[in-house]
Protein backbone atom coordinates (compact mmCIF):
# COMPACT_ATOMS: atom_id res chain seq x y z
CA MET A 1 5.17 3.86 -6.02
CA SER A 2 6.26 2.55 -9.44
CA ASP A 3 6.95 -0.70 -8.03
CA CYS A 4 4.02 -1.02 -5.93
CA ARG A 5 2.13 -4.15 -6.63
CA ASP A 6 -1.13 -3.42 -4.80
CA TYR A 7 -2.72 -2.15 -7.97
CA GLY A 8 -6.03 -0.88 -6.11
CA PHE A 9 -4.00 1.31 -3.90
CA LYS A 10 -1.97 2.60 -6.61
CA ASP A 11 -4.84 3.28 -8.62
CA GLN A 12 -6.57 5.15 -5.86
CA ILE A 13 -3.66 7.39 -5.25
CA GLN A 14 -3.42 8.22 -8.85
CA ARG A 15 -7.05 8.67 -9.18
CA ALA A 16 -7.11 11.41 -6.21
CA SER A 17 -3.84 13.05 -7.60
CA VAL A 18 -5.52 13.51 -11.08
CA SER A 19 -8.73 14.73 -9.33
CA ILE A 20 -6.49 17.79 -8.02
CA MET A 21 -5.66 19.03 -11.33
CA ASN A 22 -8.90 17.96 -13.12
CA ASN A 23 -10.96 20.11 -10.39
CA ILE A 24 -8.75 23.10 -10.68
CA ALA A 25 -9.20 22.79 -14.36
CA GLU A 26 -12.77 22.36 -14.57
CA GLY A 27 -13.24 25.25 -11.95
CA SER A 28 -11.39 27.63 -13.98
CA GLU A 29 -13.91 27.10 -16.84
CA SER A 30 -16.88 27.23 -14.57
CA GLY A 31 -18.02 30.70 -15.60
CA SER A 32 -18.12 32.25 -11.86
CA ASP A 33 -15.75 32.70 -9.14
CA SER A 34 -18.14 30.94 -6.65
CA LEU A 35 -18.16 28.03 -8.70
CA PHE A 36 -14.48 28.09 -9.20
CA VAL A 37 -13.93 28.22 -5.31
CA ARG A 38 -16.37 25.27 -4.95
CA TYR A 39 -14.27 23.19 -7.27
CA LEU A 40 -11.01 24.37 -5.61
CA ASN A 41 -12.22 23.18 -2.34
CA ILE A 42 -12.74 19.73 -3.86
CA ALA A 43 -9.27 19.96 -5.34
CA LYS A 44 -8.04 20.79 -1.83
CA GLY A 45 -10.13 17.54 -0.63
CA SER A 46 -8.38 15.45 -2.92
CA CYS A 47 -5.02 16.84 -1.75
CA SER A 48 -5.87 15.68 1.59
CA GLU A 49 -6.78 12.31 0.27
CA VAL A 50 -3.44 11.93 -1.25
CA LYS A 51 -1.79 12.92 1.83
CA SER A 52 -3.72 10.19 3.72
CA MET A 53 -2.62 7.60 1.15
CA LEU A 54 0.86 8.58 1.45
CA TYR A 55 0.84 7.96 5.54
CA LEU A 56 -0.48 4.67 4.30
CA CYS A 57 2.15 4.15 1.61
CA LEU A 58 5.01 4.56 4.25
CA ASP A 59 3.14 2.34 6.60
CA LEU A 60 2.51 -0.47 4.05
CA GLY A 61 6.28 -0.18 2.77
CA PHE A 62 5.42 1.13 -0.75
CA CYS A 63 7.52 4.01 -0.39
CA THR A 64 10.67 5.27 1.92
CA GLU A 65 10.39 8.01 4.54
CA GLN A 66 12.74 10.38 2.07
CA ARG A 67 10.07 10.00 -0.88
CA GLN A 68 7.07 10.26 1.30
CA ALA A 69 8.73 13.49 2.84
CA GLU A 70 9.23 14.71 -0.53
CA LEU A 71 5.77 14.18 -1.98
CA MET A 72 4.38 15.75 1.21
CA THR A 73 6.12 18.79 0.78
CA MET A 74 5.02 18.95 -2.82
CA LEU A 75 1.52 18.34 -1.79
CA GLN A 76 1.79 21.10 0.95
CA SER A 77 2.95 23.52 -1.87
CA ILE A 78 -0.06 22.60 -3.94
CA GLY A 79 -2.48 22.96 -1.02
CA ASN A 80 -1.08 26.34 -0.16
CA GLN A 81 -1.49 27.76 -3.56
CA ILE A 82 -5.04 26.35 -3.78
CA TYR A 83 -5.80 28.19 -0.55
CA LYS A 84 -4.08 31.43 -1.63
CA LEU A 85 -6.37 31.25 -4.81
CA ILE A 86 -9.49 30.58 -2.72
CA GLU A 87 -8.73 33.65 -0.74
CA TYR A 88 -7.97 35.82 -3.76
CA LEU A 89 -11.30 34.59 -5.51
CA ASN A 90 -13.26 35.32 -2.30
CA LYS A 91 -12.09 38.92 -2.17
C-alpha cells in the first residue's frame, strides 16, 4: 500500500484502520460496559470496512495476494479479539 498512487483509496483504508483503534480507546474510557460494547461494535464495523477495502486492494492491483492474505489474517485476529471482549463485557 505504501506505493499506492490512489490517494483517496489509501486515505480511506488508513482512516478505517485508525477508526478501529480509536473506537476501542474511546470506548474503554466511556465509563460503562454498555457504552464500551457500543464502541467495540463500531470498531468491528471498521474492521469489516478494512477487509472490504483489502478485497478492492487486490482487485485494483494495489497489493499482492500474499500481502492481502497477511493483512486479512491480522484483521481476523483483531476482529476475534474484539468479539471476545464484547462477549466478556456482556456477561
